[in-house]
Amino acid sequence: MPAPILNPGFGEEALMQGKAKKTARYDNSAYLMILPSYLVFVTMVLVPIGWTVYLSFNDYDLKTTAWVGFQNYVNIFRDSIFISSIWHTVYFTLLTLVPTIVLSLLLAVALNKKIKGQGVFRTLFYLPHILSMVAVSLSWGYLYNAQAGIINRLLKTIGLAPVGWLTDPNVAMISVAIMSVWGSLGYNSLLFLAGLQNIPGYLYEAAEIDGATKVQQFFRITIPQLRPTTFYIFIMCCIHSFEVFGQVFILTGGGPSDATTTIAHQVYKNGFEYYKMGYASAEAVVLLIIILTITVINYRYGGNSND
């Protein structure tokens, strides 16, 4: 009996349909897998932000709520302390941004060298990032102590007058910035180190053949190749600087004479010390708008660094 004649494309077509159905099934399962993370994001980020925006239009003291419209926003921009906190936050950002990026890059270049005990050095420099901000701030508070601090003792031994690191309004913010830069070096240098190790070695080999010095290689190869990493660190440093709170709260409490108070510190004081939750929410919304604006500007004018 002759074998039946089959459509030669039938089997292939059925196979492709089966793959298409399988792919569609996999796509649906992928959405289910990422659903928990979206739920966490919505409940832990979007809902609190929405609630904060709502409270910013109310006079809320944890007991009563009264709609006041934009009055909280009008009041905070008439508040001289809040206006000062904006400038102090910007000043802190200027003090920490460039030193953090430059020192982190130089540290990463040093840690990228093949030396004995390389892993130990990398671990030691990374430790400040994983330490508690409270513990680090308390330790630096002892170092900065005007009477018994190690720094002032060293100054006395070389014949210099002690400095009011945390009590002088002209020096206090600089002291906080120094501690913050020190604490962020390990993490940022690790990011730069990862970027350095992704730079193709043949670029340096070609440069050496052409007679380029190490300094020329650094400025003509290393820095351009690290633009994406530098851009990311720049954005994150800006965001973290505008959110600075822990070190200010522990070291100075916003003093002396509100010389180190920041936007985040004012949000805390008005919300959790004076219980003016609506007022604090308006300050928090202003901080959110500032951070979003900085991020958008950075992405708009720095996002094409790879082009």
Protein backbone atom coordinates (compact mmCIF):
# COMPACT_ATOMS: atom_id res chain seq x y z
CA MET A 1 0.00 0.00 0.00
CA PRO A 2 1.54 3.35 -1.02
CA ALA A 3 2.45 5.77 1.76
CA PRO A 4 0.16 8.80 2.07
CA ILE A 5 1.44 12.01 0.55
CA LEU A 6 1.91 14.63 3.31
CA ASN A 7 2.27 18.37 3.00
CA PRO A 8 6.01 18.89 3.37
CA GLY A 9 5.47 22.19 5.14
CA PHE A 10 2.89 20.87 7.57
CA GLY A 11 5.32 19.62 10.18
CA GLU A 12 7.42 22.80 10.05
CA GLU A 13 4.34 25.00 10.32
CA ALA A 14 3.05 23.09 13.31
CA LEU A 15 6.44 23.31 14.96
CA MET A 16 6.56 27.09 14.46
CA GLN A 17 3.07 27.48 15.87
CA GLY A 18 4.04 25.45 18.88
CA LYS A 19 7.11 27.61 19.43
CA ALA A 20 5.00 30.77 19.11
CA LYS A 21 2.55 29.52 21.72
CA LYS A 22 5.42 28.50 23.97
CA THR A 23 7.03 31.93 23.58
CA ALA A 24 3.76 33.67 24.40
CA ARG A 25 3.41 31.46 27.47
CA TYR A 26 6.93 32.35 28.57
CA ASP A 27 6.23 36.08 28.09
CA ASN A 28 3.19 35.86 30.36
CA SER A 29 5.14 33.99 32.99
CA ALA A 30 7.84 36.67 32.87
CA TYR A 31 5.27 39.30 33.80
CA LEU A 32 4.14 37.17 36.70
CA MET A 33 7.72 36.84 37.90
CA ILE A 34 8.32 40.59 37.98
CA LEU A 35 4.89 41.32 39.49
CA PRO A 36 6.13 41.08 43.14
CA SER A 37 8.85 43.66 42.52
CA TYR A 38 6.31 46.00 40.94
CA LEU A 39 3.98 45.53 43.88
CA VAL A 40 6.79 46.40 46.28
CA PHE A 41 7.69 49.46 44.19
CA VAL A 42 4.09 50.67 44.09
CA THR A 43 3.39 50.11 47.79
CA MET A 44 6.76 51.24 49.14
CA VAL A 45 7.59 54.08 46.72
CA LEU A 46 4.70 55.38 44.64
CA VAL A 47 2.03 55.25 47.35
CA PRO A 48 4.21 57.04 49.97
CA ILE A 49 5.15 59.70 47.41
CA GLY A 50 1.50 60.22 46.52
CA TRP A 51 0.54 60.40 50.20
CA THR A 52 3.34 62.92 50.87
CA VAL A 53 2.14 65.11 48.00
CA TYR A 54 -1.40 64.98 49.39
CA LEU A 55 -0.25 65.87 52.91
CA SER A 56 1.73 68.82 51.56
CA PHE A 57 -1.60 70.51 50.79
CA ASN A 58 -2.88 69.96 54.32
CA ASP A 59 -2.25 71.22 57.83
CA TYR A 60 -1.62 67.85 59.48
CA ASP A 61 -0.28 67.35 63.00
CA LEU A 62 -0.90 63.57 63.42
CA LYS A 63 -4.29 64.33 64.97
CA THR A 64 -6.22 66.67 62.73
CA THR A 65 -6.14 67.34 59.01
CA ALA A 66 -7.24 70.57 57.34
CA TRP A 67 -6.93 71.39 53.66
CA VAL A 68 -4.82 74.54 53.15
CA GLY A 69 -3.97 74.30 49.46
CA PHE A 70 -0.62 75.84 48.52
CA GLN A 71 -0.22 77.65 51.84
CA ASN A 72 2.49 75.26 53.06
CA TYR A 73 4.54 75.96 49.92
CA VAL A 74 4.09 79.70 50.40
CA ASN A 75 5.20 79.41 54.02
CA ILE A 76 8.32 77.34 53.37
CA PHE A 77 9.61 79.83 50.80
CA ARG A 78 9.05 82.59 53.37
CA ASP A 79 11.00 80.56 55.93
CA SER A 80 14.53 81.91 56.08
CA ILE A 81 15.84 78.72 57.70
CA PHE A 82 14.47 76.56 54.87
CA ILE A 83 15.94 78.90 52.26
CA SER A 84 19.27 78.64 54.10
CA SER A 85 18.96 74.86 54.15
CA ILE A 86 18.71 74.85 50.35
CA TRP A 87 21.92 76.85 50.06
CA HIS A 88 23.64 74.64 52.66
CA THR A 89 22.64 71.54 50.71
CA VAL A 90 23.99 73.03 47.48
CA TYR A 91 27.18 74.06 49.30
CA PHE A 92 27.60 70.54 50.68
CA THR A 93 27.13 69.12 47.17
CA LEU A 94 29.79 71.45 45.77
CA LEU A 95 32.18 70.47 48.57
CA THR A 96 31.77 66.73 48.03
CA LEU A 97 31.00 66.14 44.35
CA VAL A 98 34.32 66.86 42.62
CA PRO A 99 36.58 65.52 45.42
CA THR A 100 34.56 62.30 45.59
CA ILE A 101 34.82 61.65 41.84
CA VAL A 102 38.49 62.63 41.50
CA LEU A 103 39.73 60.80 44.61
CA SER A 104 37.65 57.71 43.83
CA LEU A 105 39.10 57.55 40.33
CA LEU A 106 42.67 57.94 41.58
CA LEU A 107 42.08 55.31 44.26
CA ALA A 108 40.63 52.93 41.67
CA VAL A 109 43.67 53.39 39.43
CA ALA A 110 45.94 52.60 42.39
CA LEU A 111 43.89 49.54 43.38
CA ASN A 112 43.95 48.31 39.79
CA LYS A 113 47.70 47.80 39.97
CA LYS A 114 48.93 44.25 40.49
CA ILE A 115 50.54 44.50 43.91
CA LYS A 116 50.92 42.15 46.83
CA GLY A 117 47.90 42.19 49.13
CA GLN A 118 45.70 43.79 46.50
CA GLY A 119 42.53 42.10 47.81
CA VAL A 120 43.23 43.26 51.37
CA PHE A 121 43.62 46.88 50.30
CA ARG A 122 40.39 46.74 48.29
CA THR A 123 38.52 45.33 51.27
CA LEU A 124 39.90 47.95 53.67
CA PHE A 125 38.95 50.83 51.40
CA TYR A 126 35.45 49.41 50.90
CA LEU A 127 34.76 48.92 54.62
CA PRO A 128 33.54 52.50 55.31
CA HIS A 129 30.68 51.96 52.86
CA ILE A 130 29.25 48.99 54.77
CA LEU A 131 29.72 50.50 58.23
CA SER A 132 26.79 52.12 59.99
CA MET A 133 26.49 55.85 59.33
CA VAL A 134 25.79 56.37 63.02
CA ALA A 135 28.95 54.54 64.07
CA VAL A 136 31.08 56.35 61.49
CA SER A 137 29.64 59.75 62.44
CA LEU A 138 30.22 59.13 66.15
CA SER A 139 33.82 58.10 65.44
CA TRP A 140 34.46 61.23 63.41
CA GLY A 141 32.76 63.25 66.14
CA TYR A 142 35.48 62.10 68.54
CA LEU A 143 38.15 62.97 65.99
CA TYR A 144 36.66 66.45 65.55
CA ASN A 145 36.21 67.10 69.29
CA ALA A 146 37.53 70.59 70.02
CA GLN A 147 39.13 69.65 73.35
CA ALA A 148 40.15 65.99 73.22
CA GLY A 149 39.96 65.23 69.51
CA ILE A 150 42.95 63.59 67.86
CA ILE A 151 43.02 66.14 65.04
CA ASN A 152 43.32 69.12 67.37
CA ARG A 153 45.91 67.30 69.44
CA LEU A 154 48.01 66.82 66.33
CA LEU A 155 47.61 70.50 65.51
CA LYS A 156 48.84 71.42 68.99
CA THR A 157 51.93 69.25 68.63
CA ILE A 158 53.01 71.22 65.57
CA GLY A 159 52.24 74.57 67.17
CA LEU A 160 48.91 75.34 65.53
CA ALA A 161 45.80 76.57 67.29
CA PRO A 162 42.90 74.12 67.71
CA VAL A 163 40.01 74.39 65.28
CA GLY A 164 36.33 74.27 66.15
CA TRP A 165 35.59 71.64 63.53
CA LEU A 166 31.96 71.25 64.56
CA THR A 167 31.44 74.47 66.53
CA ASP A 168 32.66 77.06 64.05
CA PRO A 169 29.90 78.00 61.56
CA ASN A 170 32.53 78.62 58.86
CA VAL A 171 34.16 75.21 59.28
CA ALA A 172 31.36 72.87 60.37
CA MET A 173 29.99 72.09 56.89
CA ILE A 174 33.50 71.50 55.55
CA SER A 175 34.06 69.01 58.37
CA VAL A 176 30.86 67.16 57.50
CA ALA A 177 31.87 67.14 53.83
CA ILE A 178 35.32 65.67 54.61
CA MET A 179 33.73 62.79 56.51
CA SER A 180 31.21 62.21 53.72
CA VAL A 181 33.88 62.09 51.01
CA TRP A 182 35.91 59.63 53.08
CA GLY A 183 32.88 57.41 53.57
CA SER A 184 31.96 57.31 49.87
CA LEU A 185 35.41 56.64 48.42
CA GLY A 186 35.29 52.86 48.79
CA TYR A 187 32.02 52.29 46.93
CA ASN A 188 32.72 54.76 44.13
CA SER A 189 36.26 53.50 43.64
CA LEU A 190 34.83 49.99 43.29
CA LEU A 191 32.61 51.22 40.45
CA PHE A 192 35.55 52.91 38.78
CA LEU A 193 37.61 49.76 39.28
CA ALA A 194 34.99 47.72 37.43
CA GLY A 195 35.05 50.27 34.63
CA LEU A 196 38.84 50.18 34.43
CA GLN A 197 38.87 46.41 34.09
CA ASN A 198 36.44 46.61 31.16
CA ILE A 199 38.72 48.87 29.11
CA PRO A 200 40.27 46.80 26.28
CA GLY A 201 43.98 46.23 26.85
CA TYR A 202 44.83 46.65 23.16
CA LEU A 203 44.08 50.38 23.44
CA TYR A 204 46.96 50.83 25.87
CA GLU A 205 49.18 48.56 23.81
CA ALA A 206 48.54 50.62 20.69
CA ALA A 207 49.19 53.82 22.62
CA GLU A 208 52.51 52.50 23.92
CA ILE A 209 53.56 51.56 20.39
CA ASP A 210 52.74 55.13 19.32
CA GLY A 211 54.93 56.44 22.14
CA ALA A 212 52.19 57.76 24.45
CA THR A 213 53.20 58.31 28.07
CA LYS A 214 51.23 56.98 31.05
CA VAL A 215 49.78 60.43 31.68
CA GLN A 216 48.69 60.75 28.05
CA GLN A 217 47.14 57.29 28.18
CA PHE A 218 45.23 58.28 31.32
CA PHE A 219 43.72 61.41 29.78
CA ARG A 220 43.27 60.10 26.22
CA ILE A 221 42.12 56.54 26.95
CA THR A 222 41.16 55.95 30.58
CA ILE A 223 39.01 59.00 31.21
CA PRO A 224 37.08 58.84 27.89
CA GLN A 225 36.45 55.11 28.34
CA LEU A 226 35.12 55.73 31.86
CA ARG A 227 32.51 58.30 30.80
CA PRO A 228 29.49 56.01 31.41
CA THR A 229 30.80 55.09 34.88
CA THR A 230 31.64 58.70 35.69
CA PHE A 231 28.20 59.82 34.54
CA TYR A 232 26.49 57.28 36.80
CA ILE A 233 28.64 58.21 39.81
CA PHE A 234 28.01 61.90 39.15
CA ILE A 235 24.24 61.43 39.23
CA MET A 236 24.31 59.24 42.34
CA CYS A 237 26.63 61.64 44.16
CA CYS A 238 24.29 64.53 43.36
CA ILE A 239 21.28 62.62 44.66
CA HIS A 240 23.03 61.43 47.83
CA SER A 241 24.38 64.92 48.51
CA PHE A 242 20.94 66.48 48.33
CA GLU A 243 19.59 63.75 50.60
CA VAL A 244 22.33 64.21 53.23
CA PHE A 245 20.94 63.78 56.73
CA GLY A 246 22.60 61.14 58.93
CA GLN A 247 26.01 62.76 59.33
CA VAL A 248 24.46 66.18 59.87
CA PHE A 249 22.07 64.84 62.48
CA ILE A 250 24.81 63.00 64.42
CA LEU A 251 27.73 65.43 64.08
CA THR A 252 26.15 68.87 64.35
CA GLY A 253 22.37 68.54 64.70
CA GLY A 254 22.10 71.23 62.04
CA GLY A 255 24.23 73.70 64.04
CA PRO A 256 26.02 75.77 64.96
CA SER A 257 23.43 78.47 64.33
CA ASP A 258 21.79 76.34 61.63
CA ALA A 259 25.03 76.53 59.60
CA THR A 260 24.82 72.87 58.60
CA THR A 261 21.08 72.32 58.42
CA THR A 262 20.01 70.77 55.12
CA ILE A 263 16.70 70.21 53.37
CA ALA A 264 16.41 66.63 54.65
CA HIS A 265 17.29 67.81 58.15
CA GLN A 266 14.56 70.45 58.02
CA VAL A 267 12.06 67.82 56.86
CA TYR A 268 12.98 65.71 59.90
CA LYS A 269 12.81 68.61 62.37
CA ASN A 270 9.46 69.93 61.19
CA GLY A 271 7.93 66.49 60.83
CA PHE A 272 9.23 64.58 63.84
CA GLU A 273 10.16 67.29 66.33
CA TYR A 274 7.48 69.93 65.70
CA TYR A 275 4.89 67.48 64.27
CA LYS A 276 4.10 69.80 61.38
CA MET A 277 3.64 66.93 58.96
CA GLY A 278 1.97 68.96 56.22
CA TYR A 279 4.73 71.55 56.33
CA ALA A 280 7.43 68.86 56.32
CA SER A 281 5.70 67.10 53.43
CA ALA A 282 5.84 70.30 51.37
CA GLU A 283 9.58 70.52 52.06
CA ALA A 284 9.97 66.88 51.05
CA VAL A 285 8.13 67.51 47.78
CA VAL A 286 10.43 70.45 47.03
CA LEU A 287 13.43 68.18 47.67
CA LEU A 288 11.93 65.56 45.35
CA ILE A 289 11.43 68.15 42.60
CA ILE A 290 15.03 69.37 42.97
CA ILE A 291 16.42 65.83 42.72
CA LEU A 292 14.21 64.99 39.73
CA THR A 293 15.27 68.20 37.99
CA ILE A 294 18.96 67.49 38.54
CA THR A 295 18.55 63.93 37.29
CA VAL A 296 16.65 64.98 34.16
CA ILE A 297 19.23 67.68 33.36
CA ASN A 298 22.07 65.21 33.84
CA TYR A 299 20.45 62.66 31.54
CA ARG A 300 19.57 65.34 29.00
CA TYR A 301 23.05 66.80 28.70
CA GLY A 302 25.22 63.95 29.93
CA GLY A 303 23.35 60.88 28.79
CA ASN A 304 24.97 60.91 25.34
CA SER A 305 28.48 60.55 26.73
CA ASN A 306 28.97 57.38 24.74
CA ASP A 307 28.29 59.02 21.39
